[in-house]
Amino acid sequence: MGWTYLLMAGLFEVGFTTALKLEQKDKRYIWLFLLCAFASFSFLERAMQTIPLGTAYTVWTGIGAVGTVLVGAAFFGEQLSRVQLGLLALVVALIGALRLTGGGA
């Protein structure tokens, strides 16, 4: 269950970084930021009950980083090169490798 919580924490991290971008143009998005940040940290806290701190933090930031880059490209017109896409795929592969090497329950 820890890895499910960790995935949710990472997805809500993407939510709060996206809300920060949206909040630059419309201050009403501050509530989305606060909600997503609270959810992200809550799920991260639950995940760390069974997943070691270092692994949980690494995976949480990795999911957030990859997801935020993809949101930037899909919704904000940010350009990605093939090299950048390859490096993002490497980050995803490394997250998977952490999971497979027994980084917690």
Protein backbone atom coordinates (compact mmCIF):
# COMPACT_ATOMS: atom_id res chain seq x y z
CA MET A 1 0.00 0.00 0.00
CA GLY A 2 2.98 2.29 0.61
CA TRP A 3 3.80 2.50 -3.09
CA THR A 4 0.19 3.40 -3.92
CA TYR A 5 0.39 6.21 -1.36
CA LEU A 6 3.69 7.30 -2.85
CA LEU A 7 2.24 7.40 -6.37
CA MET A 8 -0.66 9.50 -5.12
CA ALA A 9 1.76 11.83 -3.32
CA GLY A 10 3.71 12.32 -6.54
CA LEU A 11 0.59 13.00 -8.58
CA PHE A 12 -0.62 15.58 -6.09
CA GLU A 13 2.84 17.14 -6.26
CA VAL A 14 2.26 17.62 -9.98
CA GLY A 15 -1.07 19.19 -9.01
CA PHE A 16 0.47 21.72 -6.66
CA THR A 17 3.25 22.72 -9.05
CA THR A 18 0.68 23.16 -11.82
CA ALA A 19 -1.51 25.21 -9.48
CA LEU A 20 1.47 27.48 -8.78
CA LYS A 21 1.77 28.15 -12.50
CA LEU A 22 -1.96 28.82 -12.82
CA GLU A 23 -1.93 31.02 -9.73
CA GLN A 24 0.47 33.43 -11.46
CA LYS A 25 -2.42 34.52 -13.69
CA ASP A 26 -5.38 33.93 -11.40
CA LYS A 27 -4.99 34.14 -7.63
CA ARG A 28 -8.03 31.92 -7.11
CA TYR A 29 -5.82 28.88 -7.82
CA ILE A 30 -4.13 29.30 -4.45
CA TRP A 31 -6.81 26.98 -3.01
CA LEU A 32 -5.96 24.28 -5.55
CA PHE A 33 -2.31 24.66 -4.59
CA LEU A 34 -3.09 24.34 -0.88
CA LEU A 35 -5.36 21.34 -1.38
CA CYS A 36 -2.86 19.50 -3.59
CA ALA A 37 0.08 20.35 -1.31
CA PHE A 38 -1.79 19.07 1.75
CA ALA A 39 -2.80 15.87 -0.08
CA SER A 40 0.71 15.34 -1.43
CA PHE A 41 2.39 15.67 1.95
CA SER A 42 -0.30 13.54 3.61
CA PHE A 43 0.20 10.70 1.14
CA LEU A 44 3.99 11.05 1.41
CA GLU A 45 3.74 10.76 5.18
CA ARG A 46 1.68 7.58 4.86
CA ALA A 47 4.08 6.13 2.30
CA MET A 48 7.04 6.70 4.62
CA GLN A 49 5.45 4.40 7.19
CA THR A 50 6.57 1.45 5.05
CA ILE A 51 9.06 2.91 2.54
CA PRO A 52 12.45 4.23 3.67
CA LEU A 53 12.77 8.02 3.79
CA GLY A 54 15.43 8.28 1.08
CA THR A 55 13.55 6.05 -1.33
CA ALA A 56 10.22 7.77 -0.69
CA TYR A 57 11.67 11.25 -1.16
CA THR A 58 13.56 10.28 -4.31
CA VAL A 59 10.51 8.69 -5.91
CA TRP A 60 8.18 11.52 -4.80
CA THR A 61 10.40 14.18 -6.35
CA GLY A 62 10.96 12.06 -9.46
CA ILE A 63 7.25 11.59 -10.09
CA GLY A 64 6.69 15.28 -9.44
CA ALA A 65 9.51 16.37 -11.73
CA VAL A 66 8.55 14.12 -14.64
CA GLY A 67 4.86 14.88 -14.28
CA THR A 68 5.42 18.61 -14.06
CA VAL A 69 7.62 18.63 -17.16
CA LEU A 70 4.95 16.70 -19.08
CA VAL A 71 2.19 19.05 -17.89
CA GLY A 72 4.33 22.00 -18.97
CA ALA A 73 4.70 20.51 -22.43
CA ALA A 74 1.09 19.41 -22.80
CA PHE A 75 -0.69 22.46 -21.40
CA PHE A 76 1.74 25.38 -21.35
CA GLY A 77 3.49 24.95 -24.69
CA GLU A 78 6.91 24.19 -23.23
CA GLN A 79 9.15 22.48 -25.77
CA LEU A 80 10.92 19.17 -25.12
CA SER A 81 13.80 17.84 -27.17
CA ARG A 82 14.34 14.16 -27.86
CA VAL A 83 17.25 14.20 -25.45
CA GLN A 84 15.02 15.64 -22.72
CA LEU A 85 12.36 13.00 -23.41
CA GLY A 86 15.02 10.31 -23.19
CA LEU A 87 16.26 11.66 -19.90
CA LEU A 88 12.71 11.76 -18.53
CA ALA A 89 12.31 8.12 -19.58
CA LEU A 90 15.52 7.36 -17.70
CA VAL A 91 14.12 8.99 -14.54
CA VAL A 92 10.98 6.84 -14.87
CA ALA A 93 13.14 3.73 -15.36
CA LEU A 94 15.18 4.58 -12.27
CA ILE A 95 12.01 5.03 -10.21
CA GLY A 96 10.91 1.58 -11.40
CA ALA A 97 14.31 0.16 -10.51
CA LEU A 98 14.01 1.55 -6.98
CA ARG A 99 10.67 -0.21 -6.67
CA LEU A 100 12.05 -3.50 -7.96
CA THR A 101 15.06 -3.47 -5.65
CA GLY A 102 12.89 -3.67 -2.57
CA GLY A 103 12.57 -0.07 -1.50
CA GLY A 104 9.99 -0.82 1.16
CA ALA A 105 6.63 -2.57 1.19
